[in-house]
Amino acid sequence: MKKRITMILGLVCLSTLTACSNSENVKEKTSEEPATAQNGAETIKAHNGVVSYHGKYLKLAENMDTLEKDAPIIIKATKKSEKTTVTKETKENVFPTDFYTMSDVQINSIEKDTTGKLSESMTIKVLEYSVENVLVEGKEYDLTIDGYKNMEKEEEYTLFLEKNPDGENYILSNAVISKFPVEELPEEELFLDGGQTTEETDSIEEIYQEVYQEVLEEFGE
């Protein structure tokens, strides 16, 4: 029986959810695999070029019924473009702790919209929780929250969203368990974890896989 995911503390700061700018490279130095104690909390270390932070969640939906009920918006959409933001906040943090991707997606179909503001062919901005190929001390790393992997350009996804109250964009209604490829993909292509998971990410990936199968059955073509 899988345990309920309840995470209160997080490391990644997404304070600028409404911002949108081109990706920024972090100052170059030569190094092997750097590690740092971020914000005085746990030590963060890269695994196969991936730096994964734990997210800040009160509770994540663990089944399709809850996910569908709680999401104000459910759409099928194709990703068209993206802009990334990466900020190195302090000298003490080797890896950036403030990062996100703002993706432009074109709506193909609307399964649910309690806002009544969306329409087919409309393009909206969706905030995503990873940034790839960030230069840190002379090496490139992928930054992510709990193994979240961004949408691929020109690929279609079923998205569970809500309006960001602080900006003209949309956020994933159930954090990392909110975005599902319409075309079924193998597990190794769904996450950005560098082949290294923790107890928390193991639970998240297990729940994601179960919900993904339900999403494919209900919303698949």
N, C-alpha and C. Protein backbone atom coordinates (compact mmCIF):
# COMPACT_ATOMS: atom_id res chain seq x y z
N MET A 1 0.85 -1.18 0.00
CA MET A 1 0.00 0.00 0.00
C MET A 1 0.89 1.24 0.00
N LYS A 2 0.72 2.07 -0.98
CA LYS A 2 1.62 3.20 -1.07
C LYS A 2 1.24 4.26 -0.05
N LYS A 3 2.24 4.93 0.47
CA LYS A 3 2.00 5.94 1.50
C LYS A 3 1.52 7.23 0.87
N ARG A 4 0.81 8.01 1.65
CA ARG A 4 0.34 9.32 1.20
C ARG A 4 1.51 10.29 1.15
N ILE A 5 1.57 11.06 0.11
CA ILE A 5 2.67 12.01 -0.03
C ILE A 5 2.28 13.31 0.65
N THR A 6 3.01 13.67 1.68
CA THR A 6 2.79 14.95 2.34
C THR A 6 4.14 15.58 2.61
N MET A 7 4.48 16.58 1.85
CA MET A 7 5.74 17.27 2.01
C MET A 7 5.48 18.73 2.32
N ILE A 8 5.98 19.18 3.43
CA ILE A 8 5.74 20.55 3.84
C ILE A 8 6.89 21.46 3.46
N LEU A 9 8.12 21.00 3.61
CA LEU A 9 9.28 21.84 3.36
C LEU A 9 9.80 21.63 1.95
N GLY A 10 10.20 22.69 1.29
CA GLY A 10 10.81 22.58 -0.02
C GLY A 10 12.03 23.46 -0.10
N LEU A 11 12.86 23.19 -1.08
CA LEU A 11 14.08 23.95 -1.23
C LEU A 11 14.01 24.95 -2.37
N VAL A 12 13.25 24.64 -3.39
CA VAL A 12 13.28 25.48 -4.58
C VAL A 12 12.37 26.68 -4.43
N CYS A 13 12.90 27.83 -4.70
CA CYS A 13 12.14 29.07 -4.64
C CYS A 13 11.57 29.38 -6.01
N LEU A 14 10.23 29.42 -6.12
CA LEU A 14 9.57 29.80 -7.37
C LEU A 14 8.80 31.09 -7.13
N SER A 15 9.49 32.05 -6.56
CA SER A 15 8.83 33.29 -6.16
C SER A 15 8.48 34.17 -7.34
N THR A 16 9.10 33.93 -8.49
CA THR A 16 8.85 34.79 -9.64
C THR A 16 8.07 34.04 -10.70
N LEU A 17 6.94 33.47 -10.30
CA LEU A 17 6.17 32.63 -11.21
C LEU A 17 5.66 33.41 -12.42
N THR A 18 5.45 34.68 -12.27
CA THR A 18 4.88 35.45 -13.37
C THR A 18 5.93 36.03 -14.29
N ALA A 19 7.20 35.91 -13.93
CA ALA A 19 8.26 36.46 -14.77
C ALA A 19 8.49 35.58 -15.97
N CYS A 20 9.08 36.16 -16.99
CA CYS A 20 9.37 35.38 -18.19
C CYS A 20 10.55 36.02 -18.89
N SER A 21 11.70 35.33 -18.92
CA SER A 21 12.87 35.90 -19.57
C SER A 21 13.70 34.80 -20.18
N ASN A 22 14.69 35.16 -20.97
CA ASN A 22 15.55 34.16 -21.58
C ASN A 22 16.42 33.52 -20.53
N SER A 23 16.88 32.28 -20.79
CA SER A 23 17.68 31.54 -19.82
C SER A 23 18.99 32.25 -19.57
N GLU A 24 19.46 32.16 -18.31
CA GLU A 24 20.70 32.79 -17.91
C GLU A 24 21.68 31.73 -17.48
N ASN A 25 22.94 31.82 -17.94
CA ASN A 25 23.96 30.89 -17.50
C ASN A 25 24.59 31.38 -16.21
N VAL A 26 24.95 30.42 -15.35
CA VAL A 26 25.58 30.74 -14.08
C VAL A 26 27.07 30.80 -14.28
N LYS A 27 27.75 31.62 -13.48
CA LYS A 27 29.18 31.88 -13.59
C LYS A 27 30.00 30.61 -13.75
N GLU A 28 30.94 30.61 -14.69
CA GLU A 28 31.74 29.43 -15.01
C GLU A 28 32.93 29.26 -14.09
N LYS A 29 33.17 27.98 -13.69
CA LYS A 29 34.40 27.55 -13.05
C LYS A 29 34.59 26.10 -13.45
N THR A 30 35.79 25.58 -13.32
CA THR A 30 36.01 24.18 -13.60
C THR A 30 35.85 23.39 -12.33
N SER A 31 35.08 22.28 -12.40
CA SER A 31 34.81 21.48 -11.23
C SER A 31 34.34 20.10 -11.65
N GLU A 32 34.39 19.15 -10.74
CA GLU A 32 33.84 17.82 -11.00
C GLU A 32 32.34 17.87 -10.74
N GLU A 33 31.86 17.08 -9.75
CA GLU A 33 30.45 17.10 -9.40
C GLU A 33 30.29 17.90 -8.11
N PRO A 34 29.98 19.18 -8.19
CA PRO A 34 29.89 19.99 -6.98
C PRO A 34 28.71 19.59 -6.11
N ALA A 35 28.83 19.87 -4.83
CA ALA A 35 27.73 19.66 -3.89
C ALA A 35 27.64 20.88 -3.01
N THR A 36 26.44 21.15 -2.51
CA THR A 36 26.27 22.33 -1.67
C THR A 36 25.14 22.10 -0.69
N ALA A 37 25.25 22.70 0.48
CA ALA A 37 24.16 22.66 1.45
C ALA A 37 23.25 23.85 1.16
N GLN A 38 22.17 23.61 0.43
CA GLN A 38 21.30 24.69 0.00
C GLN A 38 20.49 25.23 1.17
N ASN A 39 20.55 26.54 1.37
CA ASN A 39 19.75 27.23 2.37
C ASN A 39 19.87 26.61 3.75
N GLY A 40 21.02 26.01 4.06
CA GLY A 40 21.23 25.43 5.37
C GLY A 40 20.46 24.15 5.58
N ALA A 41 19.90 23.58 4.54
CA ALA A 41 19.10 22.37 4.69
C ALA A 41 19.91 21.18 4.21
N GLU A 42 19.35 20.34 3.33
CA GLU A 42 20.06 19.15 2.92
C GLU A 42 21.12 19.45 1.88
N THR A 43 22.09 18.56 1.75
CA THR A 43 23.14 18.72 0.75
C THR A 43 22.62 18.26 -0.60
N ILE A 44 22.77 19.12 -1.61
CA ILE A 44 22.32 18.81 -2.95
C ILE A 44 23.52 18.43 -3.80
N LYS A 45 23.40 17.31 -4.49
CA LYS A 45 24.49 16.82 -5.34
C LYS A 45 23.90 16.34 -6.66
N ALA A 46 24.65 16.56 -7.73
CA ALA A 46 24.18 16.12 -9.04
C ALA A 46 24.36 14.62 -9.21
N HIS A 47 23.43 14.01 -9.94
CA HIS A 47 23.52 12.60 -10.30
C HIS A 47 23.39 12.49 -11.81
N ASN A 48 24.47 12.10 -12.45
CA ASN A 48 24.46 12.00 -13.91
C ASN A 48 24.00 13.30 -14.57
N GLY A 49 24.46 14.41 -14.02
CA GLY A 49 24.15 15.70 -14.62
C GLY A 49 22.78 16.26 -14.28
N VAL A 50 22.05 15.62 -13.35
CA VAL A 50 20.72 16.09 -12.97
C VAL A 50 20.73 16.50 -11.50
N VAL A 51 20.22 17.70 -11.22
CA VAL A 51 20.07 18.18 -9.85
C VAL A 51 18.58 18.25 -9.55
N SER A 52 18.12 17.42 -8.61
CA SER A 52 16.69 17.34 -8.31
C SER A 52 16.42 17.82 -6.89
N TYR A 53 15.50 18.77 -6.77
CA TYR A 53 15.10 19.29 -5.46
C TYR A 53 13.77 18.67 -5.05
N HIS A 54 13.51 18.65 -3.75
CA HIS A 54 12.21 18.20 -3.27
C HIS A 54 11.22 19.36 -3.33
N GLY A 55 10.02 19.09 -3.80
CA GLY A 55 9.00 20.12 -3.92
C GLY A 55 8.31 20.41 -2.60
N LYS A 56 7.53 21.47 -2.61
CA LYS A 56 6.77 21.89 -1.43
C LYS A 56 5.30 21.58 -1.67
N TYR A 57 4.81 20.50 -1.09
CA TYR A 57 3.43 20.06 -1.28
C TYR A 57 2.76 19.85 0.07
N LEU A 58 1.51 20.20 0.16
CA LEU A 58 0.72 19.78 1.31
C LEU A 58 0.17 18.38 1.07
N LYS A 59 -0.32 18.15 -0.14
CA LYS A 59 -0.81 16.82 -0.51
C LYS A 59 -0.91 16.75 -2.02
N LEU A 60 -0.61 15.59 -2.57
CA LEU A 60 -0.76 15.36 -4.00
C LEU A 60 -1.89 14.36 -4.24
N ALA A 61 -2.70 14.63 -5.27
CA ALA A 61 -3.72 13.66 -5.66
C ALA A 61 -3.06 12.35 -6.05
N GLU A 62 -3.63 11.25 -5.59
CA GLU A 62 -3.02 9.95 -5.83
C GLU A 62 -3.82 9.07 -6.78
N ASN A 63 -4.91 9.63 -7.34
CA ASN A 63 -5.70 8.85 -8.29
C ASN A 63 -6.37 9.80 -9.27
N MET A 64 -6.88 9.21 -10.33
CA MET A 64 -7.46 9.98 -11.42
C MET A 64 -8.71 10.76 -10.97
N ASP A 65 -9.55 10.15 -10.15
CA ASP A 65 -10.77 10.81 -9.71
C ASP A 65 -10.48 12.11 -8.97
N THR A 66 -9.53 12.05 -8.04
CA THR A 66 -9.18 13.24 -7.27
C THR A 66 -8.52 14.29 -8.16
N LEU A 67 -7.64 13.84 -9.04
CA LEU A 67 -6.96 14.76 -9.95
C LEU A 67 -7.96 15.49 -10.83
N GLU A 68 -8.91 14.75 -11.39
CA GLU A 68 -9.91 15.34 -12.29
C GLU A 68 -10.84 16.28 -11.53
N LYS A 69 -11.23 15.89 -10.34
CA LYS A 69 -12.14 16.70 -9.53
C LYS A 69 -11.51 18.03 -9.12
N ASP A 70 -10.24 17.98 -8.74
CA ASP A 70 -9.57 19.17 -8.20
C ASP A 70 -9.08 20.15 -9.26
N ALA A 71 -8.94 19.69 -10.50
CA ALA A 71 -8.39 20.55 -11.56
C ALA A 71 -9.49 21.42 -12.17
N PRO A 72 -9.36 22.74 -12.14
CA PRO A 72 -10.35 23.60 -12.79
C PRO A 72 -10.31 23.50 -14.31
N ILE A 73 -9.14 23.10 -14.84
CA ILE A 73 -8.95 23.06 -16.29
C ILE A 73 -8.28 21.75 -16.69
N ILE A 74 -8.84 21.10 -17.70
CA ILE A 74 -8.21 19.91 -18.29
C ILE A 74 -8.22 20.11 -19.80
N ILE A 75 -7.05 20.10 -20.41
CA ILE A 75 -6.96 20.32 -21.86
C ILE A 75 -5.98 19.34 -22.48
N LYS A 76 -6.10 19.20 -23.79
CA LYS A 76 -5.05 18.58 -24.59
C LYS A 76 -4.39 19.71 -25.36
N ALA A 77 -3.07 19.75 -25.31
CA ALA A 77 -2.36 20.88 -25.92
C ALA A 77 -1.01 20.45 -26.45
N THR A 78 -0.51 21.20 -27.42
CA THR A 78 0.80 20.94 -28.02
C THR A 78 1.75 22.07 -27.64
N LYS A 79 2.92 21.69 -27.15
CA LYS A 79 3.90 22.71 -26.77
C LYS A 79 4.54 23.31 -28.02
N LYS A 80 4.62 24.65 -28.05
CA LYS A 80 5.16 25.35 -29.21
C LYS A 80 6.51 26.00 -28.95
N SER A 81 6.70 26.57 -27.79
CA SER A 81 7.96 27.26 -27.49
C SER A 81 8.12 27.38 -25.98
N GLU A 82 9.27 27.90 -25.56
CA GLU A 82 9.52 28.05 -24.13
C GLU A 82 10.54 29.14 -23.87
N LYS A 83 10.50 29.70 -22.69
CA LYS A 83 11.53 30.60 -22.17
C LYS A 83 11.87 30.15 -20.76
N THR A 84 13.16 30.12 -20.44
CA THR A 84 13.58 29.64 -19.14
C THR A 84 14.18 30.76 -18.31
N THR A 85 14.04 30.64 -17.01
CA THR A 85 14.63 31.59 -16.07
C THR A 85 15.42 30.82 -15.03
N VAL A 86 16.67 31.22 -14.83
CA VAL A 86 17.55 30.61 -13.83
C VAL A 86 18.25 31.72 -13.08
N THR A 87 18.17 31.69 -11.75
CA THR A 87 18.80 32.71 -10.93
C THR A 87 19.68 32.06 -9.88
N LYS A 88 20.93 32.47 -9.83
CA LYS A 88 21.81 32.03 -8.74
C LYS A 88 21.67 33.04 -7.62
N GLU A 89 21.05 32.63 -6.51
CA GLU A 89 20.63 33.58 -5.49
C GLU A 89 21.76 34.05 -4.57
N THR A 90 22.65 33.14 -4.16
CA THR A 90 23.72 33.51 -3.24
C THR A 90 25.01 32.82 -3.64
N LYS A 91 26.13 33.33 -3.14
CA LYS A 91 27.42 32.72 -3.41
C LYS A 91 27.54 31.35 -2.74
N GLU A 92 26.80 31.14 -1.64
CA GLU A 92 26.90 29.88 -0.92
C GLU A 92 26.27 28.72 -1.68
N ASN A 93 25.30 29.01 -2.55
CA ASN A 93 24.63 27.96 -3.31
C ASN A 93 25.36 27.71 -4.61
N VAL A 94 25.96 26.53 -4.75
CA VAL A 94 26.63 26.18 -6.00
C VAL A 94 25.60 26.09 -7.12
N PHE A 95 24.49 25.38 -6.85
CA PHE A 95 23.45 25.22 -7.86
C PHE A 95 22.35 26.26 -7.66
N PRO A 96 21.79 26.78 -8.75
CA PRO A 96 20.68 27.73 -8.63
C PRO A 96 19.49 27.09 -7.93
N THR A 97 18.80 27.88 -7.12
CA THR A 97 17.61 27.38 -6.43
C THR A 97 16.34 28.06 -6.91
N ASP A 98 16.45 28.99 -7.83
CA ASP A 98 15.29 29.67 -8.39
C ASP A 98 15.31 29.46 -9.90
N PHE A 99 14.42 28.63 -10.39
CA PHE A 99 14.41 28.32 -11.83
C PHE A 99 13.03 27.85 -12.25
N TYR A 100 12.69 28.09 -13.49
CA TYR A 100 11.45 27.56 -14.06
C TYR A 100 11.47 27.74 -15.57
N THR A 101 10.55 27.07 -16.23
CA THR A 101 10.35 27.23 -17.67
C THR A 101 8.93 27.69 -17.91
N MET A 102 8.76 28.72 -18.72
CA MET A 102 7.44 29.17 -19.12
C MET A 102 7.20 28.69 -20.55
N SER A 103 6.27 27.76 -20.69
CA SER A 103 6.03 27.13 -21.99
C SER A 103 4.76 27.66 -22.64
N ASP A 104 4.84 27.93 -23.93
CA ASP A 104 3.67 28.30 -24.72
C ASP A 104 3.06 27.03 -25.30
N VAL A 105 1.79 26.79 -24.99
CA VAL A 105 1.11 25.61 -25.53
C VAL A 105 -0.14 26.04 -26.28
N GLN A 106 -0.43 25.32 -27.36
CA GLN A 106 -1.63 25.60 -28.15
C GLN A 106 -2.69 24.56 -27.81
N ILE A 107 -3.87 25.04 -27.46
CA ILE A 107 -4.95 24.15 -27.04
C ILE A 107 -5.55 23.42 -28.24
N ASN A 108 -5.58 22.10 -28.16
CA ASN A 108 -6.18 21.28 -29.22
C ASN A 108 -7.63 20.93 -28.89
N SER A 109 -7.90 20.64 -27.63
CA SER A 109 -9.26 20.33 -27.20
C SER A 109 -9.39 20.64 -25.72
N ILE A 110 -10.62 20.92 -25.30
CA ILE A 110 -10.91 21.27 -23.92
C ILE A 110 -11.81 20.20 -23.31
N GLU A 111 -11.31 19.55 -22.28
CA GLU A 111 -12.09 18.52 -21.60
C GLU A 111 -12.87 19.11 -20.43
N LYS A 112 -12.32 20.18 -19.83
CA LYS A 112 -12.96 20.83 -18.68
C LYS A 112 -12.41 22.25 -18.57
N ASP A 113 -13.29 23.21 -18.33
CA ASP A 113 -12.84 24.59 -18.14
C ASP A 113 -13.86 25.34 -17.29
N THR A 114 -13.64 25.36 -16.00
CA THR A 114 -14.57 26.05 -15.11
C THR A 114 -14.44 27.56 -15.21
N THR A 115 -13.37 28.05 -15.84
CA THR A 115 -13.19 29.50 -15.99
C THR A 115 -13.99 30.05 -17.16
N GLY A 116 -14.25 29.21 -18.15
CA GLY A 116 -14.97 29.65 -19.33
C GLY A 116 -14.20 30.61 -20.21
N LYS A 117 -12.89 30.68 -20.03
CA LYS A 117 -12.08 31.66 -20.76
C LYS A 117 -11.21 31.05 -21.85
N LEU A 118 -11.20 29.74 -21.96
CA LEU A 118 -10.33 29.10 -22.94
C LEU A 118 -11.09 28.71 -24.19
N SER A 119 -10.37 28.58 -25.28
CA SER A 119 -10.97 28.13 -26.54
C SER A 119 -9.94 27.34 -27.33
N GLU A 120 -10.41 26.49 -28.22
CA GLU A 120 -9.51 25.69 -29.04
C GLU A 120 -8.67 26.60 -29.94
N SER A 121 -7.43 26.20 -30.17
CA SER A 121 -6.43 26.93 -30.96
C SER A 121 -5.82 28.10 -30.20
N MET A 122 -6.33 28.39 -29.02
CA MET A 122 -5.77 29.46 -28.19
C MET A 122 -4.40 29.03 -27.66
N THR A 123 -3.47 29.98 -27.53
CA THR A 123 -2.16 29.70 -26.95
C THR A 123 -2.08 30.30 -25.56
N ILE A 124 -1.67 29.48 -24.60
CA ILE A 124 -1.53 29.94 -23.22
C ILE A 124 -0.13 29.61 -22.70
N LYS A 125 0.25 30.27 -21.62
CA LYS A 125 1.54 30.01 -20.99
C LYS A 125 1.36 29.10 -19.79
N VAL A 126 2.20 28.07 -19.72
CA VAL A 126 2.15 27.10 -18.62
C VAL A 126 3.51 27.05 -17.95
N LEU A 127 3.53 27.19 -16.63
CA LEU A 127 4.78 27.14 -15.89
C LEU A 127 5.19 25.70 -15.63
N GLU A 128 6.46 25.39 -15.95
CA GLU A 128 6.98 24.04 -15.72
C GLU A 128 8.16 24.08 -14.76
N TYR A 129 8.46 22.89 -14.18
CA TYR A 129 9.35 22.83 -13.02
C TYR A 129 10.74 22.29 -13.30
N SER A 130 11.25 22.47 -14.48
CA SER A 130 12.64 22.08 -14.73
C SER A 130 13.25 22.97 -15.80
N VAL A 131 14.58 23.01 -15.80
CA VAL A 131 15.35 23.73 -16.82
C VAL A 131 16.55 22.86 -17.17
N GLU A 132 16.77 22.65 -18.44
CA GLU A 132 17.86 21.77 -18.87
C GLU A 132 19.05 22.58 -19.38
N ASN A 133 20.22 21.94 -19.31
CA ASN A 133 21.47 22.49 -19.85
C ASN A 133 21.85 23.84 -19.24
N VAL A 134 21.84 23.89 -17.91
CA VAL A 134 22.25 25.09 -17.19
C VAL A 134 23.74 24.99 -16.86
N LEU A 135 24.49 26.02 -17.20
CA LEU A 135 25.93 26.00 -16.99
C LEU A 135 26.26 26.38 -15.55
N VAL A 136 26.89 25.44 -14.83
CA VAL A 136 27.31 25.66 -13.44
C VAL A 136 28.77 25.25 -13.30
N GLU A 137 29.62 26.20 -13.00
CA GLU A 137 31.05 25.94 -12.81
C GLU A 137 31.66 25.14 -13.97
N GLY A 138 31.31 25.55 -15.17
CA GLY A 138 31.90 24.97 -16.36
C GLY A 138 31.25 23.71 -16.88
N LYS A 139 30.21 23.21 -16.21
CA LYS A 139 29.53 22.00 -16.67
C LYS A 139 28.03 22.26 -16.81
N GLU A 140 27.38 21.50 -17.69
CA GLU A 140 25.95 21.66 -17.89
C GLU A 140 25.18 20.68 -17.00
N TYR A 141 24.11 21.19 -16.38
CA TYR A 141 23.26 20.37 -15.52
C TYR A 141 21.79 20.62 -15.86
N ASP A 142 20.97 19.61 -15.58
CA ASP A 142 19.52 19.76 -15.67
C ASP A 142 18.99 19.97 -14.26
N LEU A 143 18.20 21.02 -14.05
CA LEU A 143 17.62 21.33 -12.75
C LEU A 143 16.14 20.96 -12.76
N THR A 144 15.68 20.29 -11.72
CA THR A 144 14.30 19.83 -11.71
C THR A 144 13.75 19.75 -10.29
N ILE A 145 12.44 19.70 -10.19
CA ILE A 145 11.78 19.43 -8.91
C ILE A 145 11.21 18.01 -8.98
N ASP A 146 11.68 17.15 -8.09
CA ASP A 146 11.19 15.78 -7.98
C ASP A 146 11.15 15.05 -9.32
N GLY A 147 12.16 15.27 -10.14
CA GLY A 147 12.27 14.54 -11.39
C GLY A 147 11.34 15.00 -12.49
N TYR A 148 10.66 16.13 -12.29
CA TYR A 148 9.75 16.63 -13.32
C TYR A 148 10.51 16.89 -14.61
N LYS A 149 9.95 16.41 -15.72
CA LYS A 149 10.55 16.62 -17.03
C LYS A 149 9.63 17.49 -17.87
N ASN A 150 10.18 18.55 -18.44
CA ASN A 150 9.37 19.48 -19.23
C ASN A 150 8.76 18.82 -20.46
N MET A 151 7.70 19.41 -20.95
CA MET A 151 7.10 18.98 -22.20
C MET A 151 8.09 19.18 -23.35
N GLU A 152 8.00 18.30 -24.33
CA GLU A 152 8.82 18.42 -25.54
C GLU A 152 8.08 19.26 -26.57
N LYS A 153 8.82 20.05 -27.32
CA LYS A 153 8.21 20.88 -28.35
C LYS A 153 7.56 20.02 -29.43
N GLU A 154 6.39 20.47 -29.87
CA GLU A 154 5.58 19.84 -30.91
C GLU A 154 4.98 18.49 -30.49
N GLU A 155 5.02 18.19 -29.20
CA GLU A 155 4.38 16.99 -28.69
C GLU A 155 3.10 17.38 -27.96
N GLU A 156 2.12 16.45 -27.96
CA GLU A 156 0.81 16.73 -27.36
C GLU A 156 0.71 16.12 -25.96
N TYR A 157 0.05 16.85 -25.06
CA TYR A 157 -0.07 16.41 -23.67
C TYR A 157 -1.49 16.66 -23.15
N THR A 158 -1.89 15.83 -22.22
CA THR A 158 -3.08 16.11 -21.43
C THR A 158 -2.63 16.85 -20.18
N LEU A 159 -3.17 18.04 -19.96
CA LEU A 159 -2.72 18.90 -18.88
C LEU A 159 -3.85 19.20 -17.90
N PHE A 160 -3.54 19.11 -16.62
CA PHE A 160 -4.46 19.47 -15.55
C PHE A 160 -3.94 20.77 -14.95
N LEU A 161 -4.70 21.85 -15.12
CA LEU A 161 -4.19 23.18 -14.83
C LEU A 161 -5.11 23.98 -13.92
N GLU A 162 -4.55 25.08 -13.43
CA GLU A 162 -5.33 26.12 -12.79
C GLU A 162 -4.70 27.46 -13.13
N LYS A 163 -5.48 28.51 -13.06
CA LYS A 163 -4.98 29.85 -13.37
C LYS A 163 -4.06 30.32 -12.26
N ASN A 164 -2.92 30.86 -12.63
CA ASN A 164 -2.03 31.46 -11.65
C ASN A 164 -2.66 32.77 -11.17
N PRO A 165 -3.00 32.88 -9.89
CA PRO A 165 -3.65 34.11 -9.42
C PRO A 165 -2.75 35.33 -9.48
N ASP A 166 -1.44 35.11 -9.63
CA ASP A 166 -0.49 36.22 -9.62
C ASP A 166 0.01 36.63 -11.00
N GLY A 167 -0.52 36.02 -12.05
CA GLY A 167 0.00 36.38 -13.36
C GLY A 167 -0.85 35.85 -14.49
N GLU A 168 -0.48 36.21 -15.71
CA GLU A 168 -1.22 35.80 -16.90
C GLU A 168 -0.67 34.48 -17.43
N ASN A 169 -0.65 33.49 -16.59
CA ASN A 169 -0.20 32.16 -17.00
C ASN A 169 -0.92 31.11 -16.18
N TYR A 170 -0.64 29.86 -16.47
CA TYR A 170 -1.31 28.75 -15.81
C TYR A 170 -0.27 27.85 -15.13
N ILE A 171 -0.69 27.25 -14.03
CA ILE A 171 0.20 26.36 -13.29
C ILE A 171 -0.41 24.96 -13.24
N LEU A 172 0.43 23.97 -13.03
CA LEU A 172 -0.02 22.59 -12.95
C LEU A 172 -0.81 22.41 -11.66
N SER A 173 -2.04 21.91 -11.76
CA SER A 173 -2.93 21.87 -10.60
C SER A 173 -2.50 20.87 -9.55
N ASN A 174 -1.76 19.85 -9.93
CA ASN A 174 -1.32 18.82 -8.98
C ASN A 174 0.20 18.64 -9.07
N ALA A 175 0.87 19.78 -9.21
CA ALA A 175 2.34 19.79 -9.26
C ALA A 175 2.86 18.80 -10.31
N VAL A 176 3.79 17.95 -9.92
CA VAL A 176 4.48 17.09 -10.89
C VAL A 176 3.58 16.01 -11.48
N ILE A 177 2.40 15.78 -10.88
CA ILE A 177 1.48 14.76 -11.41
C ILE A 177 0.32 15.49 -12.08
N SER A 178 0.62 16.21 -13.15
CA SER A 178 -0.40 17.02 -13.83
C SER A 178 -0.25 17.03 -15.34
N LYS A 179 0.84 16.49 -15.85
CA LYS A 179 1.17 16.56 -17.27
C LYS A 179 1.44 15.15 -17.79
N PHE A 180 0.70 14.76 -18.85
CA PHE A 180 0.80 13.39 -19.34
C PHE A 180 0.87 13.36 -20.86
N PRO A 181 1.91 12.76 -21.44
CA PRO A 181 1.98 12.65 -22.90
C PRO A 181 0.78 11.89 -23.45
N VAL A 182 0.20 12.39 -24.53
CA VAL A 182 -0.93 11.71 -25.16
C VAL A 182 -0.47 10.38 -25.76
N GLU A 183 0.71 10.39 -26.35
CA GLU A 183 1.29 9.14 -26.85
C GLU A 183 2.01 8.44 -25.70
N GLU A 184 1.64 7.21 -25.44
CA GLU A 184 2.21 6.51 -24.29
C GLU A 184 3.72 6.34 -24.44
N LEU A 185 4.44 6.72 -23.40
CA LEU A 185 5.90 6.64 -23.39
C LEU A 185 6.38 5.70 -22.30
N PRO A 186 7.55 5.09 -22.48
CA PRO A 186 8.11 4.24 -21.43
C PRO A 186 8.51 5.07 -20.21
N GLU A 187 8.58 4.41 -19.06
CA GLU A 187 8.84 5.10 -17.80
C GLU A 187 10.12 5.92 -17.82
N GLU A 188 11.17 5.39 -18.45
CA GLU A 188 12.46 6.08 -18.43
C GLU A 188 12.44 7.40 -19.20
N GLU A 189 11.41 7.63 -20.02
CA GLU A 189 11.31 8.88 -20.77
C GLU A 189 10.40 9.91 -20.10
N LEU A 190 9.85 9.55 -18.95
CA LEU A 190 8.87 10.42 -18.31
C LEU A 190 9.46 11.31 -17.22
N PHE A 191 10.64 10.94 -16.73
CA PHE A 191 11.21 11.65 -15.58
C PHE A 191 12.63 12.11 -15.86
N LEU A 192 13.01 13.16 -15.16
CA LEU A 192 14.35 13.72 -15.27
C LEU A 192 15.02 13.50 -13.92
N ASP A 193 15.51 12.27 -13.70
CA ASP A 193 16.04 11.94 -12.38
C ASP A 193 17.47 11.45 -12.39
N GLY A 194 18.10 11.40 -13.55
CA GLY A 194 19.49 10.97 -13.63
C GLY A 194 19.72 9.55 -13.17
N GLY A 195 18.63 8.75 -13.17
CA GLY A 195 18.76 7.37 -12.73
C GLY A 195 18.90 7.21 -11.23
N GLN A 196 18.71 8.29 -10.49
CA GLN A 196 18.87 8.27 -9.03
C GLN A 196 17.60 8.81 -8.39
N THR A 197 16.85 7.97 -7.68
CA THR A 197 15.63 8.42 -7.02
C THR A 197 15.77 8.33 -5.51
N THR A 198 14.90 9.05 -4.81
CA THR A 198 14.84 9.00 -3.36
C THR A 198 13.54 8.32 -2.96
N GLU A 199 13.34 8.16 -1.66
CA GLU A 199 12.10 7.55 -1.19
C GLU A 199 10.90 8.37 -1.64
N GLU A 200 11.04 9.71 -1.58
CA GLU A 200 9.93 10.58 -1.97
C GLU A 200 9.66 10.49 -3.47
N THR A 201 10.73 10.56 -4.29
CA THR A 201 10.51 10.53 -5.74
C THR A 201 10.07 9.15 -6.21
N ASP A 202 10.49 8.10 -5.53
CA ASP A 202 9.99 6.76 -5.85
C ASP A 202 8.47 6.72 -5.71
N SER A 203 7.96 7.28 -4.62
CA SER A 203 6.52 7.30 -4.39
C SER A 203 5.80 8.13 -5.44
N ILE A 204 6.37 9.28 -5.76
CA ILE A 204 5.77 10.14 -6.77
C ILE A 204 5.72 9.45 -8.13
N GLU A 205 6.82 8.84 -8.53
CA GLU A 205 6.88 8.18 -9.84
C GLU A 205 5.93 6.99 -9.89
N GLU A 206 5.77 6.29 -8.78
CA GLU A 206 4.84 5.16 -8.74
C GLU A 206 3.41 5.64 -8.94
N ILE A 207 3.04 6.70 -8.21
CA ILE A 207 1.69 7.25 -8.35
C ILE A 207 1.48 7.80 -9.75
N TYR A 208 2.49 8.50 -10.28
CA TYR A 208 2.39 9.06 -11.63
C TYR A 208 2.07 7.97 -12.65
N GLN A 209 2.77 6.86 -12.57
CA GLN A 209 2.57 5.77 -13.53
C GLN A 209 1.14 5.24 -13.46
N GLU A 210 0.61 5.09 -12.25
CA GLU A 210 -0.75 4.58 -12.10
C GLU A 210 -1.77 5.57 -12.66
N VAL A 211 -1.59 6.85 -12.33
CA VAL A 211 -2.51 7.87 -12.83
C VAL A 211 -2.38 8.01 -14.35
N TYR A 212 -1.16 7.91 -14.86
CA TYR A 212 -0.93 8.03 -16.30
C TYR A 212 -1.74 6.99 -17.08
N GLN A 213 -1.78 5.77 -16.59
CA GLN A 213 -2.56 4.74 -17.27
C GLN A 213 -4.05 5.08 -17.27
N GLU A 214 -4.53 5.64 -16.17
CA GLU A 214 -5.93 6.05 -16.10
C GLU A 214 -6.22 7.21 -17.05
N VAL A 215 -5.28 8.14 -17.14
CA VAL A 215 -5.44 9.28 -18.05
C VAL A 215 -5.48 8.80 -19.50
N LEU A 216 -4.60 7.87 -19.84
CA LEU A 216 -4.59 7.32 -21.20
C LEU A 216 -5.91 6.66 -21.54
N GLU A 217 -6.48 5.95 -20.59
CA GLU A 217 -7.75 5.26 -20.82
C GLU A 217 -8.91 6.24 -20.98
N GLU A 218 -8.92 7.28 -20.14
CA GLU A 218 -10.05 8.21 -20.17
C GLU A 218 -9.95 9.26 -21.26
N PHE A 219 -8.74 9.77 -21.51
CA PHE A 219 -8.58 10.88 -22.44
C PHE A 219 -7.83 10.51 -23.71
N GLY A 220 -7.42 9.25 -23.82
CA GLY A 220 -6.69 8.82 -25.01
C GLY A 220 -7.57 8.83 -26.24
N GLU A 221 -6.92 8.95 -27.38
CA GLU A 221 -7.67 9.01 -28.64
C GLU A 221 -8.21 7.63 -29.02
